[in-house]
Amino acid sequence: MTTCYGYGAASGTFYSTASDLIAFADHVMSGALLSPESRSNLMTIRYQDQRYALGGRVRQGPLGPVAWETGAVGGYKTLLAYRPTDRRSVVVLSNTDLSQDDINVFAESIFELQAV
């Protein structure tokens, strides 16, 4: 049995694997789970200065928009990024002392490499 710390409740206590996160993003952004209108709303930026949309943050990459969300709790940091144009994902699960900004740059670099 996995220990669930009290501070996890505020973050949804979401335990997962990289493969599960990729499947989750793909189902939300491309499957029958949501209507096309709902998916469009998830990608529509509401607060430009933060690039914040209903589904998290959205950045414009070289091959189209990328939806992403980050998280951190305890000694762990995560990033889930998804590009709807070709259904590619990047997942980073980290227990290092890398900053969230460094993890974001790493994920952006992976997407840029896919554009080459």
C-alpha atoms as a PDB file:
ATOM      1  CA  MET A   1       0.000   0.000   0.000  1.00  0.00           C
ATOM      2  CA  THR A   2       1.294   3.431  -0.951  1.00  0.00           C
ATOM      3  CA  THR A   3       1.402   6.087   1.730  1.00  0.00           C
ATOM      4  CA  CYS A   4      -0.762   9.099   0.949  1.00  0.00           C
ATOM      5  CA  TYR A   5       0.520  12.246   2.623  1.00  0.00           C
ATOM      6  CA  GLY A   6      -1.968  14.916   3.688  1.00  0.00           C
ATOM      7  CA  TYR A   7      -0.576  17.551   1.342  1.00  0.00           C
ATOM      8  CA  GLY A   8      -1.367  15.267  -1.603  1.00  0.00           C
ATOM      9  CA  ALA A   9      -5.111  15.814  -1.225  1.00  0.00           C
ATOM     10  CA  ALA A  10      -4.844  19.433  -2.351  1.00  0.00           C
ATOM     11  CA  SER A  11      -3.108  18.333  -5.552  1.00  0.00           C
ATOM     12  CA  GLY A  12      -5.528  15.513  -6.272  1.00  0.00           C
ATOM     13  CA  THR A  13      -3.090  12.824  -5.108  1.00  0.00           C
ATOM     14  CA  PHE A  14      -2.648  11.669  -8.687  1.00  0.00           C
ATOM     15  CA  TYR A  15      -0.317   8.666  -8.851  1.00  0.00           C
ATOM     16  CA  SER A  16       0.603   7.616 -12.348  1.00  0.00           C
ATOM     17  CA  THR A  17       3.199   6.487 -14.867  1.00  0.00           C
ATOM     18  CA  ALA A  18       4.548   8.278 -17.925  1.00  0.00           C
ATOM     19  CA  SER A  19       2.589   5.890 -20.163  1.00  0.00           C
ATOM     20  CA  ASP A  20      -0.651   6.581 -18.289  1.00  0.00           C
ATOM     21  CA  LEU A  21      -0.131  10.346 -18.537  1.00  0.00           C
ATOM     22  CA  ILE A  22       0.424  10.085 -22.299  1.00  0.00           C
ATOM     23  CA  ALA A  23      -2.759   8.018 -22.677  1.00  0.00           C
ATOM     24  CA  PHE A  24      -4.668  10.490 -20.487  1.00  0.00           C
ATOM     25  CA  ALA A  25      -3.571  13.491 -22.580  1.00  0.00           C
ATOM     26  CA  ASP A  26      -4.395  11.715 -25.820  1.00  0.00           C
ATOM     27  CA  HIS A  27      -7.867  10.705 -24.628  1.00  0.00           C
ATOM     28  CA  VAL A  28      -8.681  14.202 -23.392  1.00  0.00           C
ATOM     29  CA  MET A  29      -7.330  16.050 -26.428  1.00  0.00           C
ATOM     30  CA  SER A  30      -8.185  13.749 -29.337  1.00  0.00           C
ATOM     31  CA  GLY A  31     -10.721  11.122 -28.342  1.00  0.00           C
ATOM     32  CA  ALA A  32     -14.462  10.968 -27.920  1.00  0.00           C
ATOM     33  CA  LEU A  33     -14.179  11.976 -24.269  1.00  0.00           C
ATOM     34  CA  LEU A  34     -14.831  15.671 -25.047  1.00  0.00           C
ATOM     35  CA  SER A  35     -16.609  17.506 -27.825  1.00  0.00           C
ATOM     36  CA  PRO A  36     -14.531  19.451 -30.362  1.00  0.00           C
ATOM     37  CA  GLU A  37     -15.870  22.649 -28.767  1.00  0.00           C
ATOM     38  CA  SER A  38     -14.699  21.563 -25.306  1.00  0.00           C
ATOM     39  CA  ARG A  39     -11.265  20.637 -26.651  1.00  0.00           C
ATOM     40  CA  SER A  40     -11.052  24.035 -28.333  1.00  0.00           C
ATOM     41  CA  ASN A  41     -11.918  25.706 -25.020  1.00  0.00           C
ATOM     42  CA  LEU A  42      -9.114  23.773 -23.309  1.00  0.00           C
ATOM     43  CA  MET A  43      -6.631  25.280 -25.777  1.00  0.00           C
ATOM     44  CA  THR A  44      -7.991  28.856 -25.774  1.00  0.00           C
ATOM     45  CA  ILE A  45      -5.684  31.100 -23.765  1.00  0.00           C
ATOM     46  CA  ARG A  46      -7.639  33.119 -21.184  1.00  0.00           C
ATOM     47  CA  TYR A  47      -4.743  34.981 -19.524  1.00  0.00           C
ATOM     48  CA  GLN A  48      -2.122  35.994 -22.097  1.00  0.00           C
ATOM     49  CA  ASP A  49       0.580  36.999 -19.618  1.00  0.00           C
ATOM     50  CA  GLN A  50       0.559  33.477 -18.140  1.00  0.00           C
ATOM     51  CA  ARG A  51      -0.485  31.617 -21.325  1.00  0.00           C
ATOM     52  CA  TYR A  52      -3.187  30.055 -19.171  1.00  0.00           C
ATOM     53  CA  ALA A  53      -6.142  28.224 -20.725  1.00  0.00           C
ATOM     54  CA  LEU A  54      -8.895  26.116 -19.152  1.00  0.00           C
ATOM     55  CA  GLY A  55      -6.830  22.952 -19.532  1.00  0.00           C
ATOM     56  CA  GLY A  56      -3.545  24.356 -18.287  1.00  0.00           C
ATOM     57  CA  ARG A  57      -0.994  26.399 -20.171  1.00  0.00           C
ATOM     58  CA  VAL A  58      -0.610  26.690 -23.941  1.00  0.00           C
ATOM     59  CA  ARG A  59       2.542  27.611 -25.853  1.00  0.00           C
ATOM     60  CA  GLN A  60       3.028  28.081 -29.564  1.00  0.00           C
ATOM     61  CA  GLY A  61       5.689  25.659 -30.806  1.00  0.00           C
ATOM     62  CA  PRO A  62       7.292  25.307 -34.243  1.00  0.00           C
ATOM     63  CA  LEU A  63       4.725  22.649 -35.249  1.00  0.00           C
ATOM     64  CA  GLY A  64       1.675  24.142 -33.586  1.00  0.00           C
ATOM     65  CA  PRO A  65       0.289  24.796 -30.125  1.00  0.00           C
ATOM     66  CA  VAL A  66       1.419  22.709 -27.158  1.00  0.00           C
ATOM     67  CA  ALA A  67      -0.762  22.224 -24.078  1.00  0.00           C
ATOM     68  CA  TRP A  68       1.175  21.590 -20.898  1.00  0.00           C
ATOM     69  CA  GLU A  69       0.822  21.413 -17.163  1.00  0.00           C
ATOM     70  CA  THR A  70       3.365  21.046 -14.418  1.00  0.00           C
ATOM     71  CA  GLY A  71       3.190  19.897 -10.856  1.00  0.00           C
ATOM     72  CA  ALA A  72       5.404  19.593  -7.821  1.00  0.00           C
ATOM     73  CA  VAL A  73       4.931  18.032  -4.433  1.00  0.00           C
ATOM     74  CA  GLY A  74       7.469  16.882  -1.897  1.00  0.00           C
ATOM     75  CA  GLY A  75      10.664  16.126  -3.794  1.00  0.00           C
ATOM     76  CA  TYR A  76       8.938  15.397  -7.089  1.00  0.00           C
ATOM     77  CA  LYS A  77       8.272  17.504 -10.173  1.00  0.00           C
ATOM     78  CA  THR A  78       6.251  16.609 -13.253  1.00  0.00           C
ATOM     79  CA  LEU A  79       5.491  17.969 -16.675  1.00  0.00           C
ATOM     80  CA  LEU A  80       2.918  16.743 -19.179  1.00  0.00           C
ATOM     81  CA  ALA A  81       2.957  18.407 -22.601  1.00  0.00           C
ATOM     82  CA  TYR A  82       0.789  17.500 -25.582  1.00  0.00           C
ATOM     83  CA  ARG A  83       0.785  18.742 -29.177  1.00  0.00           C
ATOM     84  CA  PRO A  84      -2.680  18.134 -30.707  1.00  0.00           C
ATOM     85  CA  THR A  85      -1.549  18.649 -34.319  1.00  0.00           C
ATOM     86  CA  ASP A  86       0.318  15.320 -34.349  1.00  0.00           C
ATOM     87  CA  ARG A  87      -0.768  13.817 -30.992  1.00  0.00           C
ATOM     88  CA  ARG A  88       2.772  13.805 -29.585  1.00  0.00           C
ATOM     89  CA  SER A  89       3.461  14.039 -25.881  1.00  0.00           C
ATOM     90  CA  VAL A  90       6.373  14.720 -23.592  1.00  0.00           C
ATOM     91  CA  VAL A  91       6.265  13.556 -19.990  1.00  0.00           C
ATOM     92  CA  VAL A  92       8.926  14.358 -17.409  1.00  0.00           C
ATOM     93  CA  LEU A  93       8.796  12.742 -13.978  1.00  0.00           C
ATOM     94  CA  SER A  94      11.662  14.033 -11.854  1.00  0.00           C
ATOM     95  CA  ASN A  95      12.957  13.587  -8.345  1.00  0.00           C
ATOM     96  CA  THR A  96      16.037  15.757  -8.949  1.00  0.00           C
ATOM     97  CA  ASP A  97      16.784  19.299  -7.873  1.00  0.00           C
ATOM     98  CA  LEU A  98      16.193  20.636 -11.402  1.00  0.00           C
ATOM     99  CA  SER A  99      14.021  23.730 -11.380  1.00  0.00           C
ATOM    100  CA  GLN A 100      10.610  23.621 -13.029  1.00  0.00           C
ATOM    101  CA  ASP A 101      11.948  26.144 -15.563  1.00  0.00           C
ATOM    102  CA  ASP A 102      14.777  23.740 -16.499  1.00  0.00           C
ATOM    103  CA  ILE A 103      12.275  20.915 -16.924  1.00  0.00           C
ATOM    104  CA  ASN A 104      10.147  23.170 -19.165  1.00  0.00           C
ATOM    105  CA  VAL A 105      13.177  23.998 -21.344  1.00  0.00           C
ATOM    106  CA  PHE A 106      14.009  20.287 -21.588  1.00  0.00           C
ATOM    107  CA  ALA A 107      10.477  19.461 -22.777  1.00  0.00           C
ATOM    108  CA  GLU A 108      10.485  22.330 -25.284  1.00  0.00           C
ATOM    109  CA  SER A 109      13.808  21.056 -26.656  1.00  0.00           C
ATOM    110  CA  ILE A 110      12.320  17.609 -27.229  1.00  0.00           C
ATOM    111  CA  PHE A 111       9.416  19.105 -29.183  1.00  0.00           C
ATOM    112  CA  GLU A 112      11.842  21.232 -31.234  1.00  0.00           C
ATOM    113  CA  LEU A 113      13.913  18.141 -32.059  1.00  0.00           C
ATOM    114  CA  GLN A 114      10.753  16.456 -33.328  1.00  0.00           C
ATOM    115  CA  ALA A 115      10.317  19.362 -35.751  1.00  0.00           C
ATOM    116  CA  VAL A 116      13.679  18.700 -37.453  1.00  0.00           C
END
